[in-house]
Amino acid sequence: MGKKRKSRGRAKGDRGRSSCVQCSACGRMVPRDKAKRVTSRHSIISDRTLAQTLEKQGAIISGSVVDKYYCISCAVHRGICAPRERELRKER
């Protein structure tokens, strides 16, 4: 039986079994190397104008980095990744 992708849609290579993460949108358990990761930074101060004035005065505003993992179907639905065109899919 043929396979659709050389990597089978994963980025693990020869590592064997990889750990699973939960999709942030639907809750599905997805292998970590197959899920799409989106990293965003969230500031402690919610008001953007206040944060800009404090930065102009020289204040250092800390923030937290949040990683969200999405399964392929949710990533396509949200526009994080898109299917390639038919001719580009054939390229290795």
N, C-alpha and C. Protein backbone atom coordinates (compact mmCIF):
# COMPACT_ATOMS: atom_id res chain seq x y z
N MET A 1 0.84 -1.19 0.00
CA MET A 1 0.00 0.00 0.00
C MET A 1 0.88 1.25 0.00
N GLY A 2 0.57 2.17 -0.88
CA GLY A 2 1.33 3.40 -0.96
C GLY A 2 1.04 4.32 0.20
N LYS A 3 1.91 5.28 0.39
CA LYS A 3 1.66 6.26 1.44
C LYS A 3 1.59 7.66 0.83
N LYS A 4 0.80 8.49 1.44
CA LYS A 4 0.51 9.80 0.87
C LYS A 4 1.70 10.75 1.02
N ARG A 5 2.37 10.68 2.16
CA ARG A 5 3.51 11.56 2.42
C ARG A 5 4.72 10.75 2.86
N LYS A 6 5.89 11.22 2.48
CA LYS A 6 7.13 10.53 2.85
C LYS A 6 7.30 10.54 4.37
N SER A 7 6.94 11.65 5.00
CA SER A 7 7.10 11.78 6.46
C SER A 7 5.87 11.33 7.22
N ARG A 8 4.82 10.90 6.52
CA ARG A 8 3.54 10.55 7.12
C ARG A 8 2.93 11.71 7.91
N GLY A 9 3.27 12.94 7.53
CA GLY A 9 2.72 14.13 8.18
C GLY A 9 3.34 14.44 9.52
N ARG A 10 4.52 13.89 9.79
CA ARG A 10 5.15 14.09 11.09
C ARG A 10 6.58 14.56 10.92
N ALA A 11 7.17 15.03 12.01
CA ALA A 11 8.53 15.55 11.97
C ALA A 11 9.43 14.80 12.93
N LYS A 12 9.16 13.53 13.17
CA LYS A 12 9.90 12.83 14.21
C LYS A 12 11.14 12.12 13.69
N GLY A 13 11.18 11.75 12.42
CA GLY A 13 12.34 11.05 11.90
C GLY A 13 12.44 9.66 12.47
N ASP A 14 13.55 9.31 13.10
CA ASP A 14 13.79 7.98 13.66
C ASP A 14 13.62 7.94 15.18
N ARG A 15 12.87 8.84 15.75
CA ARG A 15 12.80 8.93 17.20
C ARG A 15 11.85 7.95 17.86
N GLY A 16 11.06 7.24 17.10
CA GLY A 16 10.12 6.31 17.72
C GLY A 16 8.86 7.02 18.17
N ARG A 17 8.34 6.61 19.30
CA ARG A 17 7.08 7.18 19.78
C ARG A 17 7.33 8.55 20.41
N SER A 18 6.49 9.52 20.07
CA SER A 18 6.62 10.86 20.64
C SER A 18 5.44 11.12 21.58
N SER A 19 5.62 12.07 22.46
CA SER A 19 4.57 12.38 23.44
C SER A 19 3.40 13.08 22.75
N CYS A 20 2.26 13.07 23.39
CA CYS A 20 1.06 13.68 22.83
C CYS A 20 0.75 14.98 23.56
N VAL A 21 0.14 15.90 22.83
CA VAL A 21 -0.34 17.16 23.40
C VAL A 21 -1.82 17.28 23.06
N GLN A 22 -2.50 18.12 23.80
CA GLN A 22 -3.93 18.30 23.58
C GLN A 22 -4.16 19.53 22.73
N CYS A 23 -5.01 19.39 21.71
CA CYS A 23 -5.36 20.50 20.83
C CYS A 23 -6.06 21.58 21.65
N SER A 24 -5.64 22.84 21.43
CA SER A 24 -6.21 23.95 22.19
C SER A 24 -7.63 24.29 21.76
N ALA A 25 -8.04 23.82 20.59
CA ALA A 25 -9.37 24.16 20.09
C ALA A 25 -10.39 23.07 20.37
N CYS A 26 -10.05 21.82 20.00
CA CYS A 26 -11.06 20.76 20.10
C CYS A 26 -10.77 19.74 21.20
N GLY A 27 -9.56 19.74 21.75
CA GLY A 27 -9.23 18.82 22.83
C GLY A 27 -8.70 17.48 22.38
N ARG A 28 -8.53 17.27 21.09
CA ARG A 28 -8.01 16.01 20.57
C ARG A 28 -6.55 15.82 20.98
N MET A 29 -6.19 14.59 21.30
CA MET A 29 -4.80 14.27 21.61
C MET A 29 -4.04 14.04 20.31
N VAL A 30 -2.97 14.81 20.11
CA VAL A 30 -2.21 14.78 18.86
C VAL A 30 -0.74 14.57 19.21
N PRO A 31 0.01 13.77 18.43
CA PRO A 31 1.44 13.65 18.66
C PRO A 31 2.12 15.03 18.55
N ARG A 32 3.06 15.28 19.43
CA ARG A 32 3.70 16.60 19.50
C ARG A 32 4.36 17.00 18.19
N ASP A 33 4.93 16.04 17.48
CA ASP A 33 5.62 16.38 16.24
C ASP A 33 4.66 16.56 15.06
N LYS A 34 3.41 16.21 15.23
CA LYS A 34 2.42 16.38 14.18
C LYS A 34 1.58 17.64 14.39
N ALA A 35 1.46 18.10 15.61
CA ALA A 35 0.64 19.26 15.94
C ALA A 35 1.32 20.54 15.47
N LYS A 36 0.52 21.55 15.18
CA LYS A 36 1.02 22.87 14.79
C LYS A 36 1.08 23.73 16.04
N ARG A 37 2.26 24.29 16.33
CA ARG A 37 2.45 25.08 17.53
C ARG A 37 2.39 26.57 17.18
N VAL A 38 1.64 27.32 17.97
CA VAL A 38 1.53 28.76 17.81
C VAL A 38 1.99 29.39 19.11
N THR A 39 3.02 30.22 19.02
CA THR A 39 3.58 30.87 20.20
C THR A 39 3.15 32.34 20.19
N SER A 40 2.61 32.80 21.30
CA SER A 40 2.20 34.20 21.42
C SER A 40 2.65 34.74 22.77
N ARG A 41 2.83 36.04 22.84
CA ARG A 41 3.26 36.70 24.06
C ARG A 41 2.11 37.52 24.61
N HIS A 42 1.83 37.37 25.88
CA HIS A 42 0.75 38.10 26.53
C HIS A 42 1.34 39.00 27.60
N SER A 43 1.00 40.26 27.54
CA SER A 43 1.50 41.24 28.49
C SER A 43 0.64 41.22 29.75
N ILE A 44 1.24 41.61 30.86
CA ILE A 44 0.51 41.68 32.12
C ILE A 44 -0.50 42.83 32.09
N ILE A 45 -0.11 43.95 31.43
CA ILE A 45 -0.98 45.12 31.35
C ILE A 45 -1.93 44.95 30.17
N SER A 46 -3.21 44.99 30.43
CA SER A 46 -4.20 44.77 29.37
C SER A 46 -4.42 46.03 28.52
N ASP A 47 -4.22 47.22 29.09
CA ASP A 47 -4.44 48.46 28.36
C ASP A 47 -3.19 48.78 27.53
N ARG A 48 -3.34 48.82 26.22
CA ARG A 48 -2.19 48.99 25.32
C ARG A 48 -1.59 50.39 25.41
N THR A 49 -2.43 51.42 25.56
CA THR A 49 -1.91 52.79 25.63
C THR A 49 -1.10 53.00 26.91
N LEU A 50 -1.54 52.41 28.01
CA LEU A 50 -0.80 52.50 29.26
C LEU A 50 0.55 51.81 29.14
N ALA A 51 0.57 50.66 28.47
CA ALA A 51 1.82 49.94 28.29
C ALA A 51 2.80 50.73 27.43
N GLN A 52 2.30 51.41 26.41
CA GLN A 52 3.17 52.20 25.54
C GLN A 52 3.75 53.40 26.27
N THR A 53 2.97 54.07 27.11
CA THR A 53 3.48 55.21 27.85
C THR A 53 4.52 54.77 28.89
N LEU A 54 4.28 53.63 29.51
CA LEU A 54 5.26 53.12 30.47
C LEU A 54 6.57 52.73 29.78
N GLU A 55 6.49 52.17 28.59
CA GLU A 55 7.70 51.80 27.86
C GLU A 55 8.48 53.04 27.42
N LYS A 56 7.78 54.11 27.07
CA LYS A 56 8.45 55.36 26.70
C LYS A 56 9.20 55.95 27.88
N GLN A 57 8.68 55.75 29.09
CA GLN A 57 9.34 56.25 30.29
C GLN A 57 10.48 55.35 30.73
N GLY A 58 10.64 54.20 30.11
CA GLY A 58 11.77 53.33 30.41
C GLY A 58 11.43 52.13 31.26
N ALA A 59 10.18 51.86 31.48
CA ALA A 59 9.80 50.71 32.29
C ALA A 59 9.91 49.43 31.46
N ILE A 60 10.29 48.37 32.13
CA ILE A 60 10.35 47.06 31.49
C ILE A 60 9.11 46.28 31.90
N ILE A 61 8.29 45.95 30.92
CA ILE A 61 7.04 45.26 31.19
C ILE A 61 7.22 43.79 30.84
N SER A 62 7.08 42.96 31.85
CA SER A 62 7.26 41.53 31.61
C SER A 62 5.98 40.94 31.05
N GLY A 63 6.13 39.83 30.38
CA GLY A 63 4.98 39.14 29.83
C GLY A 63 5.23 37.65 29.83
N SER A 64 4.19 36.92 29.58
CA SER A 64 4.34 35.47 29.55
C SER A 64 4.21 34.97 28.12
N VAL A 65 4.96 33.93 27.81
CA VAL A 65 4.91 33.32 26.49
C VAL A 65 3.99 32.11 26.58
N VAL A 66 3.00 32.06 25.70
CA VAL A 66 2.01 31.00 25.71
C VAL A 66 2.14 30.19 24.43
N ASP A 67 2.29 28.88 24.57
CA ASP A 67 2.33 27.98 23.43
C ASP A 67 0.98 27.29 23.32
N LYS A 68 0.41 27.33 22.13
CA LYS A 68 -0.84 26.61 21.87
C LYS A 68 -0.57 25.60 20.77
N TYR A 69 -1.09 24.42 20.94
CA TYR A 69 -0.95 23.37 19.95
C TYR A 69 -2.30 23.11 19.30
N TYR A 70 -2.29 22.96 17.98
CA TYR A 70 -3.52 22.69 17.23
C TYR A 70 -3.35 21.43 16.40
N CYS A 71 -4.42 20.63 16.33
CA CYS A 71 -4.40 19.49 15.42
C CYS A 71 -4.50 20.05 13.99
N ILE A 72 -4.23 19.22 13.00
CA ILE A 72 -4.18 19.67 11.62
C ILE A 72 -5.53 20.23 11.17
N SER A 73 -6.62 19.56 11.53
CA SER A 73 -7.93 20.03 11.07
C SER A 73 -8.28 21.39 11.66
N CYS A 74 -7.96 21.61 12.92
CA CYS A 74 -8.23 22.91 13.54
C CYS A 74 -7.30 23.99 12.99
N ALA A 75 -6.05 23.63 12.70
CA ALA A 75 -5.10 24.60 12.14
C ALA A 75 -5.53 25.05 10.75
N VAL A 76 -6.03 24.12 9.95
CA VAL A 76 -6.53 24.49 8.62
C VAL A 76 -7.78 25.35 8.75
N HIS A 77 -8.66 25.01 9.67
CA HIS A 77 -9.90 25.76 9.87
C HIS A 77 -9.62 27.19 10.33
N ARG A 78 -8.62 27.38 11.17
CA ARG A 78 -8.30 28.69 11.70
C ARG A 78 -7.34 29.48 10.81
N GLY A 79 -6.85 28.87 9.72
CA GLY A 79 -5.96 29.57 8.80
C GLY A 79 -4.51 29.59 9.23
N ILE A 80 -4.11 28.76 10.18
CA ILE A 80 -2.72 28.71 10.62
C ILE A 80 -1.86 28.06 9.56
N CYS A 81 -2.36 27.01 8.94
CA CYS A 81 -1.68 26.39 7.81
C CYS A 81 -2.73 26.10 6.75
N ALA A 82 -2.27 25.93 5.52
CA ALA A 82 -3.20 25.71 4.42
C ALA A 82 -2.72 24.53 3.59
N PRO A 83 -3.63 23.80 2.97
CA PRO A 83 -3.21 22.72 2.09
C PRO A 83 -2.50 23.30 0.88
N ARG A 84 -1.48 22.59 0.40
CA ARG A 84 -0.74 23.05 -0.77
C ARG A 84 -1.51 22.74 -2.04
N GLU A 85 -1.17 23.41 -3.11
CA GLU A 85 -1.81 23.15 -4.39
C GLU A 85 -1.43 21.76 -4.87
N ARG A 86 -2.22 21.23 -5.80
CA ARG A 86 -2.06 19.86 -6.26
C ARG A 86 -0.67 19.60 -6.84
N GLU A 87 -0.14 20.53 -7.62
CA GLU A 87 1.19 20.32 -8.22
C GLU A 87 2.30 20.46 -7.18
N LEU A 88 2.14 21.34 -6.22
CA LEU A 88 3.17 21.52 -5.18
C LEU A 88 3.20 20.34 -4.23
N ARG A 89 2.08 19.63 -4.08
CA ARG A 89 2.04 18.46 -3.19
C ARG A 89 2.92 17.35 -3.71
N LYS A 90 3.11 17.28 -5.02
CA LYS A 90 3.88 16.18 -5.62
C LYS A 90 5.38 16.36 -5.42
N GLU A 91 5.83 17.60 -5.15
CA GLU A 91 7.25 17.86 -4.95
C GLU A 91 7.73 17.30 -3.63
N ARG A 92 8.92 16.74 -3.63
CA ARG A 92 9.51 16.19 -2.41
C ARG A 92 10.52 17.15 -1.86
